[in-house]
């Protein structure tokens, strides 16, 4: 899978909302995609499982990072 610092950041953000309870390893996999889908569903976003710009924006705002 894809690996990167931005994925680690995403995992940390999702963990703040208790949607990701696994290793912060920066690797894209099924678990993080499922977590993104749950967040998208909870926030009435298009459910894709991908951290698209709208999802990242809402997630960052909800976490108080913007």
Protein backbone atom coordinates (compact mmCIF):
# COMPACT_ATOMS: atom_id res chain seq x y z
CA UNK A 1 0.00 0.00 0.00
CA UNK A 2 0.86 3.65 -0.17
CA UNK A 3 2.96 5.02 2.69
CA UNK A 4 3.57 8.62 3.74
CA UNK A 5 3.67 11.22 6.49
CA UNK A 6 0.26 12.58 5.43
CA UNK A 7 -1.24 9.12 6.04
CA UNK A 8 0.21 9.11 9.56
CA UNK A 9 -1.39 12.51 10.10
CA UNK A 10 -4.71 11.16 8.85
CA UNK A 11 -4.45 8.15 11.16
CA UNK A 12 -3.80 10.47 14.13
CA UNK A 13 -6.80 12.66 13.26
CA UNK A 14 -9.08 9.65 12.92
CA UNK A 15 -7.75 8.30 16.22
CA UNK A 16 -8.87 11.54 17.92
CA UNK A 17 -12.43 10.62 16.94
CA UNK A 18 -11.97 7.00 18.07
CA UNK A 19 -12.34 5.82 14.49
CA UNK A 20 -8.83 4.42 14.16
CA UNK A 21 -7.39 2.31 16.99
CA UNK A 22 -4.40 0.72 15.28
CA UNK A 23 -0.71 1.41 14.69
CA UNK A 24 0.14 4.85 13.38
CA UNK A 25 2.31 3.51 10.59
CA UNK A 26 1.54 5.81 7.67
CA UNK A 27 0.38 2.93 5.47
CA UNK A 28 -2.87 2.96 3.53
CA UNK A 29 -4.85 -0.21 4.03
CA UNK A 30 -8.36 -1.52 4.49
CA UNK A 31 -8.57 -0.42 8.13
CA UNK A 32 -7.90 3.25 7.45
CA UNK A 33 -10.20 3.22 4.43
CA UNK A 34 -12.98 1.80 6.61
CA UNK A 35 -12.31 4.50 9.21
CA UNK A 36 -12.55 7.20 6.54
CA UNK A 37 -15.86 5.72 5.32
CA UNK A 38 -17.28 5.83 8.84
CA UNK A 39 -16.20 9.46 9.26
CA UNK A 40 -17.71 10.35 5.89
CA UNK A 41 -21.01 8.67 6.80
CA UNK A 42 -21.15 10.42 10.18
CA UNK A 43 -20.58 13.80 8.53
CA UNK A 44 -22.90 13.43 5.53
CA UNK A 45 -20.03 13.41 3.05
CA UNK A 46 -19.85 11.30 -0.10
CA UNK A 47 -18.78 7.86 1.12
CA UNK A 48 -15.74 6.84 -0.89
CA UNK A 49 -13.23 5.63 1.69
CA UNK A 50 -10.69 8.01 0.18
CA UNK A 51 -9.41 11.06 2.04
CA UNK A 52 -10.55 13.55 -0.60
CA UNK A 53 -10.12 17.30 -0.02
CA UNK A 54 -13.66 17.77 1.37
CA UNK A 55 -13.18 14.94 3.87
CA UNK A 56 -9.79 16.27 4.98
CA UNK A 57 -11.25 19.77 5.36
CA UNK A 58 -14.16 18.59 7.54
CA UNK A 59 -11.91 16.31 9.56
CA UNK A 60 -9.39 19.09 10.16
CA UNK A 61 -12.11 21.57 11.13
CA UNK A 62 -13.71 19.09 13.52
CA UNK A 63 -10.33 18.49 15.14
CA UNK A 64 -9.79 22.25 15.47
CA UNK A 65 -6.78 22.25 13.19
CA UNK A 66 -8.02 24.91 10.77
